[in-house]
Amino acid sequence: MVKLSTLRNIAETAPYFHNGMIWSLKEAVQEMGRTQLGMEISDDEAKKIVSFLKSLTGKKPTISYPILPASTEKTPHPNTK
């Protein structure tokens, strides 16, 4: 079993696949057709699928990280025991 990531905002997450070899969403769709479905996806079909995938683009949540003070000589070290 393999856990797949969500398709939300997929148009904004290039490069694609575990090795980052494909940079075009259209090429990724066609590659998945060949490897997962054993079929050739035409350029026109791929464009329609990409249009659908782009419709899944939405607002991203705002993430704010705390600003921590700089470490000094008096900063306690983590307990590693």
C-alpha atoms as a PDB file:
ATOM      1  CA  MET A   1       0.000   0.000   0.000  1.00  0.00           C
ATOM      2  CA  VAL A   2       1.215   3.488  -0.844  1.00  0.00           C
ATOM      3  CA  LYS A   3      -0.179   6.678   0.683  1.00  0.00           C
ATOM      4  CA  LEU A   4      -0.742   9.315  -1.952  1.00  0.00           C
ATOM      5  CA  SER A   5      -0.636  13.011  -1.319  1.00  0.00           C
ATOM      6  CA  THR A   6      -3.646  15.217  -1.963  1.00  0.00           C
ATOM      7  CA  LEU A   7      -4.281  16.734  -5.385  1.00  0.00           C
ATOM      8  CA  ARG A   8      -5.126  20.149  -3.895  1.00  0.00           C
ATOM      9  CA  ASN A   9      -2.720  22.753  -5.320  1.00  0.00           C
ATOM     10  CA  ILE A  10      -1.041  20.078  -7.479  1.00  0.00           C
ATOM     11  CA  ALA A  11      -0.468  22.667 -10.235  1.00  0.00           C
ATOM     12  CA  GLU A  12       1.852  24.529  -7.849  1.00  0.00           C
ATOM     13  CA  THR A  13       3.983  21.608  -6.696  1.00  0.00           C
ATOM     14  CA  ALA A  14       6.331  20.816  -9.593  1.00  0.00           C
ATOM     15  CA  PRO A  15       8.537  18.888 -10.024  1.00  0.00           C
ATOM     16  CA  TYR A  16       6.461  15.725  -9.918  1.00  0.00           C
ATOM     17  CA  PHE A  17       7.025  12.156  -8.701  1.00  0.00           C
ATOM     18  CA  HIS A  18       9.427  10.867  -6.098  1.00  0.00           C
ATOM     19  CA  ASN A  19      12.507  11.733  -8.152  1.00  0.00           C
ATOM     20  CA  GLY A  20      11.379  15.119  -9.484  1.00  0.00           C
ATOM     21  CA  MET A  21      12.100  14.114 -13.075  1.00  0.00           C
ATOM     22  CA  ILE A  22       8.959  15.633 -14.621  1.00  0.00           C
ATOM     23  CA  TRP A  23       8.347  19.382 -14.453  1.00  0.00           C
ATOM     24  CA  SER A  24       5.198  19.639 -16.573  1.00  0.00           C
ATOM     25  CA  LEU A  25       1.817  18.654 -15.134  1.00  0.00           C
ATOM     26  CA  LYS A  26       0.693  17.588 -18.613  1.00  0.00           C
ATOM     27  CA  GLU A  27       3.706  15.281 -18.941  1.00  0.00           C
ATOM     28  CA  ALA A  28       3.034  13.915 -15.448  1.00  0.00           C
ATOM     29  CA  VAL A  29      -0.566  13.096 -16.416  1.00  0.00           C
ATOM     30  CA  GLN A  30       0.599  11.323 -19.581  1.00  0.00           C
ATOM     31  CA  GLU A  31       3.284   9.398 -17.683  1.00  0.00           C
ATOM     32  CA  MET A  32       0.743   8.234 -15.109  1.00  0.00           C
ATOM     33  CA  GLY A  33      -1.506   7.075 -17.963  1.00  0.00           C
ATOM     34  CA  ARG A  34       1.310   4.948 -19.356  1.00  0.00           C
ATOM     35  CA  THR A  35       2.648   3.517 -16.102  1.00  0.00           C
ATOM     36  CA  GLN A  36      -0.494   3.212 -13.969  1.00  0.00           C
ATOM     37  CA  LEU A  37      -3.201   2.618 -16.556  1.00  0.00           C
ATOM     38  CA  GLY A  38      -1.236   1.087 -19.430  1.00  0.00           C
ATOM     39  CA  MET A  39      -2.717   3.551 -21.916  1.00  0.00           C
ATOM     40  CA  GLU A  40      -1.638   6.548 -23.934  1.00  0.00           C
ATOM     41  CA  ILE A  41      -3.314   9.819 -22.961  1.00  0.00           C
ATOM     42  CA  SER A  42      -3.526  12.185 -25.928  1.00  0.00           C
ATOM     43  CA  ASP A  43      -2.405  15.805 -25.724  1.00  0.00           C
ATOM     44  CA  ASP A  44      -6.046  16.944 -25.852  1.00  0.00           C
ATOM     45  CA  GLU A  45      -7.097  14.540 -23.067  1.00  0.00           C
ATOM     46  CA  ALA A  46      -4.106  15.580 -20.965  1.00  0.00           C
ATOM     47  CA  LYS A  47      -5.002  19.265 -21.386  1.00  0.00           C
ATOM     48  CA  LYS A  48      -8.532  18.548 -20.125  1.00  0.00           C
ATOM     49  CA  ILE A  49      -7.226  16.620 -17.119  1.00  0.00           C
ATOM     50  CA  VAL A  50      -4.735  19.407 -16.345  1.00  0.00           C
ATOM     51  CA  SER A  51      -7.577  21.952 -16.532  1.00  0.00           C
ATOM     52  CA  PHE A  52      -9.452  19.921 -13.943  1.00  0.00           C
ATOM     53  CA  LEU A  53      -6.373  19.585 -11.725  1.00  0.00           C
ATOM     54  CA  LYS A  54      -5.800  23.351 -11.925  1.00  0.00           C
ATOM     55  CA  SER A  55      -9.362  23.864 -10.682  1.00  0.00           C
ATOM     56  CA  LEU A  56      -8.251  22.222  -7.420  1.00  0.00           C
ATOM     57  CA  THR A  57      -5.934  25.142  -6.685  1.00  0.00           C
ATOM     58  CA  GLY A  58      -7.101  27.022  -3.639  1.00  0.00           C
ATOM     59  CA  LYS A  59      -6.090  29.344  -0.876  1.00  0.00           C
ATOM     60  CA  LYS A  60      -3.232  28.096   1.247  1.00  0.00           C
ATOM     61  CA  PRO A  61      -3.334  28.501   5.014  1.00  0.00           C
ATOM     62  CA  THR A  62      -1.066  31.137   6.488  1.00  0.00           C
ATOM     63  CA  ILE A  63       1.751  29.601   8.474  1.00  0.00           C
ATOM     64  CA  SER A  64       3.635  31.762  10.914  1.00  0.00           C
ATOM     65  CA  TYR A  65       6.654  30.526  12.799  1.00  0.00           C
ATOM     66  CA  PRO A  66       7.742  31.890  16.160  1.00  0.00           C
ATOM     67  CA  ILE A  67      10.841  34.061  16.225  1.00  0.00           C
ATOM     68  CA  LEU A  68      13.153  32.562  18.800  1.00  0.00           C
ATOM     69  CA  PRO A  69      15.905  34.440  20.569  1.00  0.00           C
ATOM     70  CA  ALA A  70      19.492  33.801  19.505  1.00  0.00           C
ATOM     71  CA  SER A  71      21.343  31.103  21.431  1.00  0.00           C
ATOM     72  CA  THR A  72      24.002  32.221  23.886  1.00  0.00           C
ATOM     73  CA  GLU A  73      26.523  30.472  26.107  1.00  0.00           C
ATOM     74  CA  LYS A  74      23.827  30.330  28.825  1.00  0.00           C
ATOM     75  CA  THR A  75      21.294  28.597  26.570  1.00  0.00           C
ATOM     76  CA  PRO A  76      20.611  25.132  28.027  1.00  0.00           C
ATOM     77  CA  HIS A  77      21.625  22.201  25.842  1.00  0.00           C
ATOM     78  CA  PRO A  78      19.079  19.479  25.116  1.00  0.00           C
ATOM     79  CA  ASN A  79      19.138  16.446  27.378  1.00  0.00           C
ATOM     80  CA  THR A  80      20.439  13.616  25.180  1.00  0.00           C
ATOM     81  CA  LYS A  81      20.466  10.927  27.871  1.00  0.00           C
END
